[in-house]
Protein backbone atom coordinates (compact mmCIF):
# COMPACT_ATOMS: atom_id res chain seq x y z
CA MET A 1 43.47 22.57 16.00
CA ASN A 2 41.45 25.04 14.77
CA GLN A 3 37.84 25.99 15.87
CA GLN A 4 35.89 24.24 12.55
CA ASP A 5 37.78 21.16 13.55
CA LEU A 6 36.79 20.70 17.10
CA ARG A 7 33.63 21.91 15.96
CA ARG A 8 32.68 18.67 13.68
CA PRO A 9 32.28 16.04 16.61
CA ALA A 10 29.13 18.56 18.26
CA ILE A 11 28.01 18.58 14.43
CA SER A 12 27.91 14.89 14.20
CA ILE A 13 27.18 14.22 17.99
CA ALA A 14 23.75 16.90 17.33
CA LEU A 15 22.62 15.41 13.45
CA LEU A 16 22.78 11.87 15.32
CA VAL A 17 20.53 12.72 18.26
CA THR A 18 18.39 14.54 16.11
CA ALA A 19 17.80 11.63 13.18
CA ILE A 20 17.66 9.04 15.93
CA LEU A 21 14.76 11.09 17.92
CA GLY A 22 13.55 11.87 14.42
CA GLY A 23 12.86 8.09 13.21
CA ALA A 24 12.10 6.75 16.26
CA PHE A 25 9.27 9.49 15.88
CA ALA A 26 8.12 8.34 12.67
CA GLY A 27 8.37 4.84 13.98
CA LEU A 28 5.76 5.29 17.22
CA THR A 29 3.64 7.38 14.41
CA LEU A 30 3.59 4.82 12.14
CA GLY A 31 2.62 2.30 14.77
CA VAL A 32 -0.04 4.02 16.34
CA PHE A 33 -1.22 4.70 13.13
CA ILE A 34 -1.66 0.80 12.19
CA TRP A 35 -2.98 0.40 15.94
CA VAL A 36 -5.79 3.18 15.37
CA ILE A 37 -7.08 2.01 12.57
CA GLU A 38 -7.03 -1.90 13.78
CA GLU A 39 -8.69 -0.36 16.74
CA ALA A 40 -11.36 1.25 15.31
CA ALA A 41 -12.47 -1.42 12.49
CA ALA A 42 -12.51 -3.93 15.32
CA PHE A 43 -15.31 -1.82 17.55
CA VAL A 44 -16.85 -0.69 14.46
CA TRP A 45 -17.11 -3.94 13.24
CA SER A 46 -17.11 -6.76 16.39
CA SER A 47 -17.25 -4.69 19.37
CA LEU A 48 -20.14 -2.47 18.66
CA PRO A 49 -22.19 -5.33 16.34
CA ASP A 50 -21.63 -7.86 19.43
CA ALA A 51 -22.83 -4.58 21.97
CA VAL A 52 -25.97 -3.55 20.25
CA GLY A 53 -26.80 -8.07 18.88
CA VAL A 54 -26.53 -7.79 15.07
CA SER A 55 -24.32 -10.11 12.95
CA PRO A 56 -21.76 -7.51 11.53
CA PHE A 57 -22.19 -9.32 7.74
CA ASP A 58 -25.32 -10.74 7.45
CA SER A 59 -27.50 -7.55 8.38
CA TRP A 60 -28.44 -4.06 8.20
CA TRP A 61 -25.03 -3.34 9.64
CA LEU A 62 -23.39 -4.38 6.87
CA PHE A 63 -24.59 -1.42 4.87
CA ALA A 64 -24.61 1.22 7.46
CA VAL A 65 -21.11 0.81 8.57
CA PRO A 66 -20.05 1.90 4.80
CA VAL A 67 -22.59 4.78 4.43
CA VAL A 68 -22.19 6.75 7.70
CA GLY A 69 -17.97 6.23 6.87
CA GLY A 70 -19.05 7.47 3.52
CA ALA A 71 -20.34 10.59 5.23
CA LEU A 72 -17.10 10.65 7.16
CA VAL A 73 -14.81 10.30 4.10
CA GLY A 74 -16.78 12.70 2.21
CA LEU A 75 -16.77 15.77 4.73
CA GLY A 76 -12.79 14.52 4.87
CA GLN A 77 -12.70 15.91 1.80
CA MET A 78 -14.27 19.11 2.45
CA LEU A 79 -12.63 19.77 5.73
CA LEU A 80 -9.16 18.39 4.98
CA GLY A 81 -8.50 17.77 0.94
CA ASN A 82 -8.35 14.76 -1.23
CA TYR A 83 -6.00 12.39 1.04
CA PRO A 84 -4.13 10.19 0.45
CA LEU A 85 -2.27 10.82 -2.30
CA PRO A 86 -2.17 8.63 -4.87
CA LEU A 87 0.91 6.10 -5.37
CA GLU A 88 1.69 7.54 -8.70
CA ALA A 89 1.80 11.04 -7.71
CA ALA A 90 3.50 10.48 -4.94
CA ILE A 91 6.39 9.04 -6.80
CA GLU A 92 6.38 11.57 -9.34
CA THR A 93 6.80 14.34 -6.55
CA TRP A 94 9.87 12.20 -5.22
CA LYS A 95 11.11 12.16 -8.93
CA ARG A 96 11.03 15.62 -9.15
CA GLY A 97 13.12 16.20 -6.04
CA ASP A 98 9.85 17.96 -4.63
CA HIS A 99 9.10 16.42 -1.49
CA ILE A 100 5.37 15.65 0.63
CA GLU A 101 4.61 19.02 2.78
CA PRO A 102 4.40 17.75 6.27
CA ASP A 103 1.08 18.75 6.77
CA VAL A 104 0.02 15.95 4.77
CA ALA A 105 1.07 12.89 7.70
CA PRO A 106 -1.70 14.10 9.90
CA ARG A 107 -4.34 14.89 6.35
CA THR A 108 -3.73 11.69 5.46
CA ALA A 109 -4.33 9.99 8.40
CA VAL A 110 -7.96 10.80 9.23
CA ASN A 111 -9.10 10.02 5.90
CA SER A 112 -7.14 6.60 5.61
CA VAL A 113 -8.48 6.02 9.42
CA PHE A 114 -12.61 7.13 7.93
CA ALA A 115 -11.90 4.57 4.98
CA LEU A 116 -10.16 1.50 6.52
CA ALA A 117 -12.10 1.72 9.05
CA ALA A 118 -15.62 1.49 7.45
CA GLY A 119 -14.27 -1.37 5.34
CA GLY A 120 -13.76 0.51 2.14
CA PRO A 121 -11.61 -1.51 -0.27
CA VAL A 122 -8.96 -0.16 -0.51
CA GLY A 123 -4.90 -0.31 0.13
CA PHE A 124 -3.07 0.95 3.03
CA GLU A 125 0.03 1.51 1.52
CA ALA A 126 -1.25 5.14 0.12
CA ALA A 127 -1.68 5.91 3.84
CA LEU A 128 1.52 4.68 4.60
CA THR A 129 3.42 6.78 1.81
CA GLY A 130 1.78 9.69 2.62
CA ILE A 131 2.33 9.80 6.46
CA LEU A 132 5.88 8.57 6.19
CA GLY A 133 7.01 10.81 3.63
CA GLY A 134 5.38 13.90 4.98
CA THR A 135 7.08 12.89 8.35
CA ALA A 136 10.78 11.70 6.44
CA THR A 137 9.96 15.98 5.26
CA TRP A 138 9.44 17.15 9.02
CA ILE A 139 12.04 15.49 10.31
CA GLY A 140 14.56 17.09 7.37
CA ALA A 141 13.53 20.36 7.98
CA ARG A 142 15.36 19.35 12.02
CA LEU A 143 17.76 18.00 10.71
CA ASP A 144 18.38 21.38 8.58
CA ALA A 145 17.65 23.33 11.32
CA VAL A 146 20.18 21.83 13.42
CA ASP A 147 22.85 21.53 10.82
CA ARG A 148 22.41 25.42 10.90
CA LEU A 149 22.39 26.02 14.67
CA VAL A 150 25.49 24.56 15.49
CA ARG A 151 27.71 24.70 12.23
CA ARG A 152 29.84 27.21 10.20
CA PRO A 153 30.99 26.23 6.76
CA TRP A 154 33.49 24.03 6.16
CA PRO A 155 36.56 24.97 5.18
CA ALA A 156 37.65 24.63 1.26
CA ASN A 157 40.71 22.69 1.73
CA GLY A 158 39.48 19.38 -0.14
CA THR A 159 36.45 18.40 2.85
CA GLY A 160 33.47 20.51 1.13
CA ASN A 161 31.96 17.00 0.99
CA ARG A 162 32.24 16.49 4.53
CA GLU A 163 28.97 18.15 4.57
CA ALA A 164 27.06 16.62 2.60
CA LEU A 165 28.28 13.06 3.48
CA THR A 166 27.24 13.94 7.53
CA ARG A 167 23.44 14.76 6.22
CA LYS A 168 22.89 11.79 4.22
CA ALA A 169 24.52 9.40 7.51
CA ALA A 170 22.01 11.03 9.81
CA GLY A 171 19.06 10.44 6.80
CA TRP A 172 20.32 6.84 6.94
CA VAL A 173 20.57 6.98 10.43
CA ALA A 174 17.05 8.59 10.89
CA ALA A 175 15.53 5.94 9.19
CA ILE A 176 16.97 3.27 10.43
CA ALA A 177 15.65 3.85 13.99
CA GLY A 178 12.57 4.70 12.25
CA LEU A 179 12.32 1.06 11.28
CA ILE A 180 14.00 -0.63 14.90
CA THR A 181 11.33 1.52 16.85
CA TYR A 182 8.45 0.18 14.71
CA ARG A 183 9.98 -3.41 15.21
CA ASN A 184 9.90 -2.88 18.75
CA LEU A 185 6.56 -1.49 19.71
CA PRO A 186 4.08 -4.13 21.15
CA PHE A 187 1.44 -2.89 18.95
CA GLY A 188 0.79 -1.77 15.28
CA GLU A 189 1.91 -4.11 13.79
CA ILE A 190 0.63 -5.09 9.99
CA ASP A 191 -1.11 -8.14 9.12
CA LEU A 192 1.18 -9.00 6.00
CA GLY A 193 2.19 -12.49 5.78
CA PHE A 194 0.52 -14.47 3.28
CA ARG A 195 -0.32 -18.06 5.45
CA PHE A 196 0.16 -20.84 3.13
CA SER A 197 1.64 -24.50 4.14
CA ASP A 198 5.08 -24.88 4.60
CA PHE A 199 7.22 -24.68 1.09
CA ASP A 200 10.75 -26.28 0.47
CA GLY A 201 11.66 -23.33 -2.19
CA ALA A 202 11.73 -25.53 -5.39
CA PRO A 203 8.96 -25.81 -7.71
CA GLY A 204 8.20 -28.77 -9.50
CA PHE A 205 8.57 -28.55 -13.44
CA TRP A 206 5.32 -28.62 -13.86
CA ASP A 207 4.07 -26.50 -11.25
CA GLY A 208 6.44 -23.83 -12.41
CA LEU A 209 5.56 -24.16 -15.89
CA ALA A 210 1.59 -22.95 -15.24
CA ALA A 211 2.94 -20.33 -12.86
CA PHE A 212 4.99 -18.65 -15.44
CA VAL A 213 2.25 -19.44 -18.10
CA PHE A 214 -0.70 -17.52 -15.93
CA ALA A 215 1.62 -14.95 -15.17
CA ALA A 216 2.38 -14.67 -18.72
CA LEU A 217 -1.52 -14.66 -19.13
CA ILE A 218 -2.77 -12.11 -16.64
CA VAL A 219 -0.94 -8.68 -16.71
CA VAL A 220 -3.41 -8.08 -19.99
CA PRO A 221 -6.52 -8.26 -17.35
CA ALA A 222 -4.37 -7.05 -14.52
CA ALA A 223 -2.80 -4.04 -17.26
CA TRP A 224 -6.46 -2.60 -17.86
CA ALA A 225 -7.85 -2.91 -14.26
CA ILE A 226 -5.04 -0.95 -12.99
CA ASN A 227 -5.33 1.34 -15.75
CA ALA A 228 -8.87 2.04 -14.64
CA ILE A 229 -7.89 2.46 -11.15
CA GLY A 230 -5.92 5.09 -11.99
CA ARG A 231 -8.41 6.24 -14.26
CA ALA A 232 -10.62 7.08 -10.99
CA GLU A 233 -7.81 7.62 -8.39
CA VAL A 234 -7.68 10.88 -10.55
CA ALA A 235 -11.26 11.25 -11.22
CA VAL A 236 -12.74 14.43 -8.85
CA TYR A 237 -16.52 13.77 -9.84
CA PHE A 238 -16.57 13.45 -6.50
CA ARG A 239 -16.24 16.77 -5.34
CA ARG A 240 -19.50 18.57 -6.53
CA SER A 241 -21.19 17.00 -3.45
CA PRO A 242 -18.52 14.54 -1.41
CA VAL A 243 -20.75 13.52 0.99
CA VAL A 244 -23.83 12.30 -1.43
CA ALA A 245 -20.40 10.65 -2.95
CA GLY A 246 -19.16 9.31 -0.44
CA MET A 247 -22.41 7.30 1.68
CA ALA A 248 -23.32 6.30 -2.92
CA GLY A 249 -19.92 4.72 -2.50
CA GLY A 250 -20.43 3.51 0.94
CA LEU A 251 -23.81 1.42 -0.49
CA ALA A 252 -22.32 0.33 -3.13
CA ILE A 253 -19.65 -0.90 -1.69
CA ALA A 254 -22.00 -2.77 0.95
CA LEU A 255 -24.52 -4.13 -2.31
CA LEU A 256 -21.01 -5.46 -3.36
CA ALA A 257 -20.10 -7.00 -0.39
CA ALA A 258 -23.53 -8.78 0.99
CA PRO A 259 -22.59 -11.68 -1.00
CA SER A 260 -19.04 -11.94 0.40
CA GLU A 261 -17.37 -10.00 2.87
CA LEU A 262 -14.59 -10.28 1.35
CA VAL A 263 -14.77 -7.58 -0.67
CA LEU A 264 -14.29 -5.14 1.72
CA PHE A 265 -11.48 -3.65 3.13
CA SER A 266 -7.55 -3.80 1.77
CA GLY A 267 -7.89 -7.56 1.19
CA GLN A 268 -4.55 -9.02 2.54
CA GLY A 269 -6.17 -10.11 5.41
CA GLY A 270 -8.27 -12.79 3.67
CA ILE A 271 -5.75 -13.82 1.15
CA GLN A 272 -4.57 -17.05 3.06
CA LEU A 273 -8.93 -17.81 3.12
CA LEU A 274 -9.28 -18.15 -0.98
CA PRO A 275 -8.24 -21.52 -1.15
CA ASP A 276 -11.24 -23.04 1.34
CA THR A 277 -13.60 -20.62 -0.92
CA GLY A 278 -16.05 -22.16 -3.30
CA THR A 279 -15.35 -21.53 -7.24
CA GLY A 280 -18.25 -19.57 -7.67
CA GLU A 281 -17.26 -17.19 -4.97
CA LEU A 282 -14.02 -17.46 -6.07
CA VAL A 283 -15.01 -15.65 -9.32
CA TYR A 284 -17.49 -13.61 -7.46
CA VAL A 285 -14.42 -11.94 -5.75
CA ALA A 286 -12.12 -11.08 -7.93
CA ILE A 287 -14.38 -8.97 -9.79
CA ALA A 288 -16.44 -7.71 -7.04
CA LYS A 289 -13.11 -6.97 -5.44
CA TRP A 290 -12.25 -4.45 -8.58
CA LEU A 291 -15.28 -2.88 -8.91
CA ALA A 292 -15.51 -1.87 -5.51
CA LEU A 293 -11.90 -0.36 -5.34
CA VAL A 294 -13.05 1.65 -8.52
CA ILE A 295 -16.35 3.06 -7.32
CA ALA A 296 -14.61 3.72 -3.61
CA LEU A 297 -12.47 6.08 -5.43
CA LEU A 298 -14.80 7.23 -8.09
CA ALA A 299 -16.84 7.98 -4.56
CA GLY A 300 -13.89 10.15 -3.16
CA TRP A 301 -12.60 7.09 -0.50
CA ARG A 302 -8.70 7.28 -0.98
CA GLY A 303 -6.14 4.38 -0.71
CA GLY A 304 -3.94 2.37 -2.33
CA PRO A 305 -4.37 -0.18 -5.29
CA ILE A 306 -1.94 -2.54 -4.74
CA PHE A 307 -3.53 -5.01 -2.21
CA PRO A 308 -7.16 -5.74 -3.49
CA ILE A 309 -5.93 -6.20 -6.77
CA TYR A 310 -3.62 -8.35 -5.09
CA THR A 311 -6.87 -10.37 -3.84
CA SER A 312 -8.61 -10.24 -7.19
CA ILE A 313 -5.65 -11.67 -8.71
CA ALA A 314 -5.56 -14.13 -6.21
CA ALA A 315 -8.31 -15.74 -6.39
CA ILE A 316 -8.61 -16.18 -9.41
CA ALA A 317 -5.23 -17.45 -9.47
CA VAL A 318 -6.45 -20.74 -6.63
CA VAL A 319 -9.64 -21.03 -9.69
CA VAL A 320 -6.70 -21.22 -12.05
CA ALA A 321 -4.70 -23.90 -9.42
CA ASP A 322 -7.44 -25.86 -9.19
CA GLY A 323 -8.62 -26.60 -13.27
CA VAL A 324 -4.38 -27.22 -13.37
CA ASP A 325 -3.74 -29.63 -10.80
CA VAL A 326 -1.02 -26.99 -8.96
CA GLY A 327 -0.40 -25.85 -5.58
CA ALA A 328 -2.61 -22.71 -4.64
CA ASP A 329 -0.05 -21.06 -3.40
CA ILE A 330 2.48 -21.53 -5.76
CA MET A 331 -0.02 -19.91 -8.61
CA ILE A 332 -0.69 -16.85 -5.79
CA VAL A 333 2.49 -15.50 -5.55
CA ALA A 334 3.46 -16.40 -9.17
CA GLY A 335 -0.41 -13.75 -9.92
CA ILE A 336 1.47 -11.54 -7.20
CA ALA A 337 4.54 -10.78 -8.72
CA ALA A 338 2.76 -10.60 -12.58
CA ALA A 339 0.16 -7.88 -10.81
CA GLY A 340 3.73 -5.94 -9.24
CA VAL A 341 5.25 -5.94 -12.99
CA VAL A 342 2.29 -4.24 -14.09
CA PHE A 343 2.51 -2.22 -11.71
CA LEU A 344 5.89 -0.78 -11.75
CA LYS A 345 6.04 -1.36 -15.97
CA GLY A 346 8.40 -4.40 -15.94
CA LYS A 347 11.20 -4.41 -13.90
CA ILE A 348 11.44 -7.41 -13.10
CA VAL A 349 13.97 -6.47 -9.67
CA MET A 350 11.65 -4.04 -8.19
CA ALA A 351 8.54 -6.32 -8.81
CA ALA A 352 10.48 -8.94 -6.67
CA LEU A 353 11.37 -7.14 -4.06
CA LEU A 354 7.71 -6.06 -3.97
CA THR A 355 6.22 -9.45 -3.81
CA LEU A 356 8.63 -10.19 -1.02
CA TYR A 357 7.21 -7.97 0.71
CA PRO A 358 4.72 -9.20 1.99
CA VAL A 359 5.59 -12.87 0.80
CA ALA A 360 7.26 -15.72 2.36
CA LEU A 361 11.22 -15.85 1.30
CA THR A 362 11.03 -19.55 0.91
CA TYR A 363 9.00 -18.50 -2.66
CA THR A 364 11.65 -16.20 -4.37
CA SER A 365 11.79 -19.09 -7.13
CA VAL A 366 8.59 -18.30 -7.36
CA ILE A 367 7.87 -15.65 -6.87
CA PHE A 368 10.85 -14.64 -10.09
CA VAL A 369 9.23 -16.87 -12.28
CA GLY A 370 6.20 -15.13 -11.68
CA CYS A 371 7.76 -12.20 -12.40
CA LEU A 372 9.93 -13.33 -15.98
CA GLY A 373 6.90 -14.74 -16.62
CA ALA A 374 4.60 -11.68 -16.52
CA ALA A 375 7.81 -9.31 -18.23
CA LEU A 376 7.17 -11.39 -21.42
CA GLY A 377 3.40 -11.92 -21.10
CA LEU A 378 3.77 -7.80 -21.10
CA VAL A 379 6.10 -7.22 -23.99
CA ILE A 380 4.34 -9.49 -26.49
CA ALA A 381 0.91 -7.36 -25.14
CA ARG A 382 2.63 -3.88 -25.54
CA SER A 383 4.16 -5.76 -29.08
CA VAL A 384 0.39 -5.70 -30.57
CA GLY A 385 -1.28 -3.31 -28.39
CA ALA A 386 -3.06 -5.83 -25.89
CA ILE A 387 -2.28 -2.55 -22.96
CA PRO A 388 -4.11 0.63 -22.46
CA ALA A 389 -2.41 3.66 -22.38
CA ALA A 390 -1.37 5.08 -18.62
CA PRO A 391 -4.81 7.37 -17.44
CA SER A 392 -4.20 11.47 -17.60
CA ALA A 393 -3.74 13.35 -14.99
CA ASP A 394 -5.36 16.33 -16.02
């Protein structure tokens, strides 16, 4: 056995240990970030107003927090940069084979805490993408460093692929270690489950038909709404005066939230409350949630569009469900699945998987009904020119 044969176990062990430690660090980072956001939001919107003796949503507090938060958002833009990155920008980076730089993670985390804790109507998914993407690049660099430290070139006797396979396996080990670490943390769990009544997994014919038609019809307004959000994400007018723009955006968000506090935050925590909400407020939330997100993005508040759009469509779904006598949960899930089809440009399987992220597995049949209806609606809408062109990043 030559020296290289003896070295291979050492290389594998070194990469395995590095991958486990790096993945655990990523999982811990994610948990700490979510915990900080939750604690900051609870302090700002519960503990502090209680100490002051005011109602957080029915007093001047509703305006003070977003305006102050807007000032912090503007300062973050000035000092840390335009983070989090839009989801499309992050995806395009990966498609090109590039990486999100490690220094993006802390910049993203700080800016996101400012926006999310202040009640910004933006999703947290863009923050998670930036933080995990930057952390993954950092872990990859550590794996490469360990590999270079303990490795010599593999012999050319048919084992040249072993290096690449070992390196790829280390990446998977890091991902699994990160997931296990995060899932076992006593803090930092995202509230994603839409807590509906028990569902047996088999919608009736009328329920399924109504969900299919609703999903097919909702894609057109969803596509226009998402297009406007995409244009707001790449707009940079706020850079002329980031602090002023951030505060103005905060004031506008507060004004829109005055009739309904459901306009605030990313939205996923309030979707299960929608079936018990009045029709007038539902219609208002559907419009105001989207409008608040667009205004926030134009003002420099950065975050993802997915969960705010879910909330808007869910509000519409409840109104429609009441009108056609179908379970609100079925309509909401079908509408969310349709939104996924629009976000992912017609990719049904990927949209179904995206919907399963927050929705219980028992709704799988409803998810696919919604995805299929949305895909059909998207094809028809595109054929008649009812879908807007994607915004340019220029």
